[in-house]
Amino acid sequence: MSEFTMDFGWRVYHPNPRKPEFVPPAGAVDAHCHVFGPGAVFPYAAQRKYTPCDGPKEKLWALRDYLGFSRNVIVQATCHGADNRALIDALLHSEGKARGVATVAADVNEAELQALHEAGVRGVRFNFVKRLVDKLPYESLETISTKITALGWHIVIYFEAADLAENFDFFASLPTEVVVDHMGRPDVTQSVDGEAFALFLRLLEENENFWCKVSCPDRLTAEASYRYDDVVPFAKRVVDMFPDRVLWGTDWPHPNLKSHTPDEGDLVDFIPRIATTTELQRKLLVDNPMRLYWPEEVALQA
């Protein structure tokens, strides 16, 4: 049995990531990560498409400190469905160092949303990756987006590049701030100057309420070496064009990833390759996530 896999085939996070060479700026935020279970305490959803390894909050805090980050944005993933208990537990035990993105159903009420807000939730996530959901959430997204507007929350959308054209107008119609996970999963075997990625850049250019996570090169790369060289031009293009609307995250503990087990040290050292100046690095890791997730602290410092 591999040190990176369990006997039932679920890939687990790296047991001993290396210390990255890149030192994040003070106050840096890992703006896309997860907590899973422990399943014995917070069971996984019956309708899940995959079962992750347990990724408890204590492991996440330890990784954050080891990599040199100060805060986390914890994103609810499909394996927990709309049961946000593991997420809320982590937020309540984070000492204010974490904010969250939840998954909610269309019938969520105002009191439930307010409770999530008080715990630290600042957005909701919708998954348009067809292999991960039974039904694409068009109607529920429209309903929920109306309900969260008063709270100042944003919407996180996860989709694949091949599906952007058919959803472009719908996404552009969303009324809140919108964050796109993992650059809309571009096909990095194609040219960064090609039509497919140009359409994604157009989505960001024409809609100033759209943000982008330049994250998960481990999910996007087609290279057997896993150096992520083929992802760099895509992420760098987004950072250079939209420096005030980009975020970055580890995606720990890398759920449903079948290709390899990422070393978080490699993922952190990816950052200066796509944000090539101190100013860009600070915007990506500090200024932008703070403005989106801790605006009250930014206002106090202004």
Protein backbone atom coordinates (compact mmCIF):
# COMPACT_ATOMS: atom_id res chain seq x y z
CA MET A 1 0.00 0.00 0.00
CA SER A 2 1.38 3.41 -0.97
CA GLU A 3 2.17 5.87 1.81
CA PHE A 4 -0.13 8.29 -0.02
CA THR A 5 -3.19 6.06 -0.38
CA MET A 6 -5.50 4.09 1.84
CA ASP A 7 -6.43 0.47 1.16
CA PHE A 8 -9.83 1.54 -0.16
CA GLY A 9 -8.22 3.68 -2.85
CA TRP A 10 -8.83 7.21 -1.58
CA ARG A 11 -5.78 9.39 -2.07
CA VAL A 12 -4.76 11.27 1.07
CA TYR A 13 -2.84 14.50 1.51
CA HIS A 14 0.95 14.60 1.56
CA PRO A 15 2.24 13.34 4.93
CA ASN A 16 5.41 15.43 4.92
CA PRO A 17 5.35 18.44 2.58
CA ARG A 18 8.60 20.27 2.14
CA LYS A 19 9.15 23.77 3.44
CA PRO A 20 8.61 26.13 0.49
CA GLU A 21 11.36 28.45 -0.65
CA PHE A 22 8.89 31.27 -1.20
CA VAL A 23 7.99 33.13 2.00
CA PRO A 24 4.45 34.54 1.84
CA PRO A 25 3.98 38.16 2.87
CA ALA A 26 2.75 38.84 6.40
CA GLY A 27 -0.97 38.27 6.68
CA ALA A 28 -1.18 35.90 3.70
CA VAL A 29 -4.45 34.00 3.19
CA ASP A 30 -4.93 30.48 1.87
CA ALA A 31 -8.19 31.35 0.12
CA HIS A 32 -9.27 27.88 -1.01
CA CYS A 33 -9.03 24.87 1.29
CA HIS A 34 -11.38 22.36 2.88
CA VAL A 35 -12.14 20.50 6.08
CA PHE A 36 -13.52 16.97 5.78
CA GLY A 37 -15.10 15.18 8.68
CA PRO A 38 -13.83 13.47 10.68
CA GLY A 39 -16.47 11.23 9.16
CA ALA A 40 -17.31 9.68 12.53
CA VAL A 41 -18.31 13.13 13.80
CA PHE A 42 -19.47 14.88 10.64
CA PRO A 43 -20.72 12.18 8.22
CA TYR A 44 -20.30 12.58 4.47
CA ALA A 45 -23.39 13.10 2.33
CA ALA A 46 -25.21 9.99 1.18
CA GLN A 47 -25.44 11.36 -2.38
CA ARG A 48 -21.71 12.20 -2.65
CA LYS A 49 -19.81 11.32 -5.83
CA TYR A 50 -16.59 10.59 -3.92
CA THR A 51 -15.48 9.96 -0.36
CA PRO A 52 -12.43 11.93 0.76
CA CYS A 53 -9.92 11.13 3.43
CA ASP A 54 -10.64 12.85 6.73
CA GLY A 55 -9.11 16.32 6.77
CA PRO A 56 -9.78 17.79 10.22
CA LYS A 57 -9.37 21.41 11.20
CA GLU A 58 -6.33 20.73 13.41
CA LYS A 59 -4.36 19.42 10.41
CA LEU A 60 -5.37 22.47 8.39
CA TRP A 61 -4.21 24.90 11.09
CA ALA A 62 -0.87 23.07 11.35
CA LEU A 63 -0.33 23.22 7.58
CA ARG A 64 -1.25 26.92 7.51
CA ASP A 65 1.38 27.74 10.12
CA TYR A 66 4.01 25.49 8.54
CA LEU A 67 3.62 27.12 5.11
CA GLY A 68 3.77 30.64 6.55
CA PHE A 69 0.15 31.69 6.08
CA SER A 70 -2.01 33.57 8.58
CA ARG A 71 -5.61 32.81 7.60
CA ASN A 72 -7.83 30.39 5.70
CA VAL A 73 -10.94 30.52 3.56
CA ILE A 74 -12.63 27.14 3.96
CA VAL A 75 -14.84 26.04 1.09
CA GLN A 76 -17.64 23.49 1.44
CA ALA A 77 -17.19 20.66 -1.05
CA THR A 78 -19.77 18.34 -2.58
CA CYS A 79 -18.87 15.36 -0.38
CA HIS A 80 -20.55 17.08 2.59
CA GLY A 81 -23.49 18.33 0.52
CA ALA A 82 -25.45 21.11 2.22
CA ASP A 83 -24.53 19.85 5.70
CA ASN A 84 -22.17 22.62 6.76
CA ARG A 85 -21.49 21.35 10.29
CA ALA A 86 -17.82 20.48 9.73
CA LEU A 87 -17.26 23.88 8.12
CA ILE A 88 -19.02 25.76 10.92
CA ASP A 89 -17.14 23.81 13.59
CA ALA A 90 -13.85 24.83 11.98
CA LEU A 91 -14.86 28.48 11.69
CA LEU A 92 -15.96 28.65 15.33
CA HIS A 93 -12.64 27.17 16.47
CA SER A 94 -10.44 29.31 14.19
CA GLU A 95 -10.03 32.26 16.59
CA GLY A 96 -11.16 34.56 13.78
CA LYS A 97 -8.49 33.30 11.39
CA ALA A 98 -10.91 31.59 9.00
CA ARG A 99 -13.91 32.53 6.93
CA GLY A 100 -16.13 30.17 4.99
CA VAL A 101 -18.00 29.47 1.77
CA ALA A 102 -21.05 27.27 2.39
CA THR A 103 -23.43 25.16 0.34
CA VAL A 104 -27.11 25.83 0.98
CA ALA A 105 -30.40 24.64 -0.48
CA ALA A 106 -32.90 26.89 -2.23
CA ASP A 107 -35.30 26.71 0.73
CA VAL A 108 -32.73 28.08 3.20
CA ASN A 109 -34.36 30.71 5.39
CA GLU A 110 -33.18 34.06 6.69
CA ALA A 111 -32.47 32.77 10.21
CA GLU A 112 -30.31 29.95 8.86
CA LEU A 113 -28.37 32.33 6.66
CA GLN A 114 -27.86 34.72 9.57
CA ALA A 115 -26.50 31.90 11.73
CA LEU A 116 -24.03 30.98 9.00
CA HIS A 117 -23.02 34.63 8.67
CA GLU A 118 -22.37 34.94 12.40
CA ALA A 119 -20.17 31.84 12.24
CA GLY A 120 -18.05 33.44 9.51
CA VAL A 121 -19.58 32.35 6.21
CA ARG A 122 -19.28 34.98 3.48
CA GLY A 123 -20.32 33.14 0.32
CA VAL A 124 -22.07 30.16 -1.24
CA ARG A 125 -20.65 27.70 -3.73
CA PHE A 126 -22.32 26.20 -6.79
CA ASN A 127 -20.87 23.29 -8.70
CA PHE A 128 -21.36 23.11 -12.47
CA VAL A 129 -18.89 20.26 -13.02
CA LYS A 130 -21.20 17.69 -14.52
CA ARG A 131 -19.34 14.64 -13.23
CA LEU A 132 -19.74 15.87 -9.64
CA VAL A 133 -23.44 16.78 -9.54
CA ASP A 134 -26.66 15.09 -10.58
CA LYS A 135 -28.37 18.30 -11.67
CA LEU A 136 -26.94 21.68 -12.61
CA PRO A 137 -28.13 24.29 -10.09
CA TYR A 138 -29.57 27.03 -12.32
CA GLU A 139 -32.88 27.59 -10.54
CA SER A 140 -31.54 27.24 -7.02
CA LEU A 141 -28.68 29.63 -7.77
CA GLU A 142 -31.09 32.32 -8.89
CA THR A 143 -33.21 31.85 -5.76
CA ILE A 144 -30.27 31.78 -3.37
CA SER A 145 -28.47 34.71 -4.97
CA THR A 146 -31.50 36.88 -4.16
CA LYS A 147 -31.49 35.72 -0.53
CA ILE A 148 -27.79 36.37 0.12
CA THR A 149 -27.59 39.84 -1.40
CA ALA A 150 -28.61 41.57 1.83
CA LEU A 151 -25.76 39.83 3.68
CA GLY A 152 -23.16 41.05 1.20
CA TRP A 153 -22.14 37.50 0.35
CA HIS A 154 -20.63 36.39 -2.93
CA ILE A 155 -21.11 33.35 -5.15
CA VAL A 156 -18.38 30.84 -5.94
CA ILE A 157 -18.82 28.86 -9.17
CA TYR A 158 -16.92 25.77 -10.25
CA PHE A 159 -17.07 24.72 -13.90
CA GLU A 160 -14.94 23.30 -16.67
CA ALA A 161 -13.73 25.28 -19.69
CA ALA A 162 -15.67 23.15 -22.16
CA ASP A 163 -18.93 24.22 -20.52
CA LEU A 164 -18.31 27.97 -20.32
CA ALA A 165 -19.83 28.94 -23.69
CA GLU A 166 -23.24 27.48 -22.85
CA ASN A 167 -23.23 29.13 -19.41
CA PHE A 168 -21.55 32.44 -20.26
CA ASP A 169 -24.69 34.61 -20.34
CA PHE A 170 -26.14 32.98 -17.24
CA PHE A 171 -22.95 33.51 -15.25
CA ALA A 172 -22.70 37.12 -16.44
CA SER A 173 -26.23 37.77 -15.17
CA LEU A 174 -25.41 36.91 -11.54
CA PRO A 175 -26.06 39.92 -9.30
CA THR A 176 -23.38 39.47 -6.63
CA GLU A 177 -19.62 39.34 -6.58
CA VAL A 178 -18.66 36.04 -8.26
CA VAL A 179 -15.50 34.02 -7.66
CA VAL A 180 -14.47 31.41 -10.24
CA ASP A 181 -12.66 28.36 -8.90
CA HIS A 182 -9.38 27.25 -10.50
CA MET A 183 -9.51 29.55 -13.56
CA GLY A 184 -12.52 27.68 -14.90
CA ARG A 185 -10.33 24.59 -15.40
CA PRO A 186 -8.65 25.53 -18.72
CA ASP A 187 -7.22 22.89 -21.02
CA VAL A 188 -3.55 23.77 -20.59
CA THR A 189 -2.54 21.63 -23.57
CA GLN A 190 -4.08 24.36 -25.73
CA SER A 191 -2.54 27.77 -26.33
CA VAL A 192 -2.94 30.45 -23.70
CA ASP A 193 -3.81 32.68 -26.67
CA GLY A 194 -6.45 30.30 -27.95
CA GLU A 195 -10.18 30.88 -28.27
CA ALA A 196 -11.18 28.83 -25.23
CA PHE A 197 -9.09 30.78 -22.73
CA ALA A 198 -9.90 34.04 -24.49
CA LEU A 199 -13.57 33.41 -23.69
CA PHE A 200 -12.72 32.99 -20.01
CA LEU A 201 -10.69 36.19 -19.98
CA ARG A 202 -13.63 37.94 -21.66
CA LEU A 203 -15.90 36.82 -18.83
CA LEU A 204 -13.60 38.56 -16.33
CA GLU A 205 -13.00 41.59 -18.53
CA GLU A 206 -16.68 42.31 -19.24
CA ASN A 207 -17.88 41.64 -15.69
CA GLU A 208 -16.01 43.59 -13.04
CA ASN A 209 -17.85 41.69 -10.29
CA PHE A 210 -15.94 38.52 -11.28
CA TRP A 211 -12.90 37.29 -9.36
CA CYS A 212 -10.67 34.31 -10.13
CA LYS A 213 -8.74 31.76 -8.09
CA VAL A 214 -5.42 31.03 -9.79
CA SER A 215 -5.24 27.77 -7.88
CA CYS A 216 -4.92 24.00 -8.38
CA PRO A 217 -2.13 23.61 -10.93
CA ASP A 218 -2.08 20.02 -9.66
CA ARG A 219 -5.57 19.50 -11.13
CA LEU A 220 -4.81 21.27 -14.41
CA THR A 221 -1.34 20.12 -15.44
CA ALA A 222 -0.83 17.59 -18.21
CA GLU A 223 2.86 17.12 -17.38
CA ALA A 224 4.09 13.86 -15.92
CA SER A 225 6.75 15.76 -13.97
CA TYR A 226 4.13 17.76 -12.04
CA ARG A 227 6.28 20.88 -12.21
CA TYR A 228 3.20 22.77 -13.43
CA ASP A 229 5.14 24.58 -16.16
CA ASP A 230 2.17 24.25 -18.51
CA VAL A 231 -0.16 26.00 -16.04
CA VAL A 232 2.09 29.00 -15.41
CA PRO A 233 1.21 30.99 -18.59
CA PHE A 234 -2.52 30.73 -17.88
CA ALA A 235 -2.32 31.77 -14.24
CA LYS A 236 0.22 34.51 -14.94
CA ARG A 237 -2.02 35.95 -17.67
CA VAL A 238 -4.94 36.22 -15.21
CA VAL A 239 -2.81 37.78 -12.46
CA ASP A 240 -1.29 40.31 -14.85
CA MET A 241 -4.65 41.30 -16.34
CA PHE A 242 -6.75 41.32 -13.16
CA PRO A 243 -4.36 41.92 -10.24
CA ASP A 244 -7.09 43.27 -7.96
CA ARG A 245 -9.46 40.33 -8.48
CA VAL A 246 -7.31 37.24 -8.03
CA LEU A 247 -7.04 34.81 -5.12
CA TRP A 248 -4.90 31.75 -4.40
CA GLY A 249 -5.34 28.62 -2.30
CA THR A 250 -3.80 25.22 -1.60
CA ASP A 251 -7.02 23.20 -2.12
CA TRP A 252 -5.88 21.07 0.85
CA PRO A 253 -6.52 18.17 1.34
CA HIS A 254 -6.90 17.86 -2.45
CA PRO A 255 -10.16 15.89 -2.64
CA ASN A 256 -10.98 13.52 -5.48
CA LEU A 257 -7.57 13.98 -7.07
CA LYS A 258 -6.50 10.80 -8.82
CA SER A 259 -3.34 11.87 -10.64
CA HIS A 260 -0.82 12.39 -7.84
CA THR A 261 -0.40 13.62 -4.29
CA PRO A 262 0.62 17.30 -4.39
CA ASP A 263 3.37 18.58 -2.15
CA GLU A 264 2.12 21.86 -0.68
CA GLY A 265 5.68 23.18 -0.76
CA ASP A 266 5.55 22.91 -4.57
CA LEU A 267 2.17 24.65 -4.65
CA VAL A 268 3.45 27.60 -2.61
CA ASP A 269 6.55 27.89 -4.80
CA PHE A 270 4.19 28.14 -7.79
CA ILE A 271 3.11 31.58 -6.49
CA PRO A 272 6.15 33.72 -7.48
CA ARG A 273 6.06 32.14 -10.94
CA ILE A 274 2.60 33.62 -11.59
CA ALA A 275 2.72 36.74 -9.40
CA THR A 276 6.18 37.95 -10.28
CA THR A 277 6.50 41.12 -8.19
CA THR A 278 6.20 41.85 -4.49
CA GLU A 279 3.20 44.07 -5.23
CA LEU A 280 1.37 41.37 -7.16
CA GLN A 281 2.12 38.80 -4.47
CA ARG A 282 0.73 41.04 -1.77
CA LYS A 283 -2.45 41.70 -3.77
CA LEU A 284 -2.93 38.01 -4.50
CA LEU A 285 -2.30 36.74 -0.98
CA VAL A 286 -3.24 39.60 1.35
CA ASP A 287 -5.07 42.61 -0.06
CA ASN A 288 -7.61 40.84 -2.26
CA PRO A 289 -8.72 38.07 0.14
CA MET A 290 -8.86 40.51 3.03
CA ARG A 291 -11.06 42.87 1.00
CA LEU A 292 -13.43 40.05 0.09
CA TYR A 293 -13.56 38.09 3.34
CA TRP A 294 -12.56 40.51 6.12
CA PRO A 295 -13.79 43.88 4.76
CA GLU A 296 -14.53 45.16 8.24
CA GLU A 297 -10.82 44.90 9.16
CA VAL A 298 -9.80 46.60 5.93
CA ALA A 299 -12.23 49.44 6.70
CA LEU A 300 -10.72 49.93 10.16
CA GLN A 301 -7.24 50.19 8.66
CA ALA A 302 -8.29 52.72 6.01
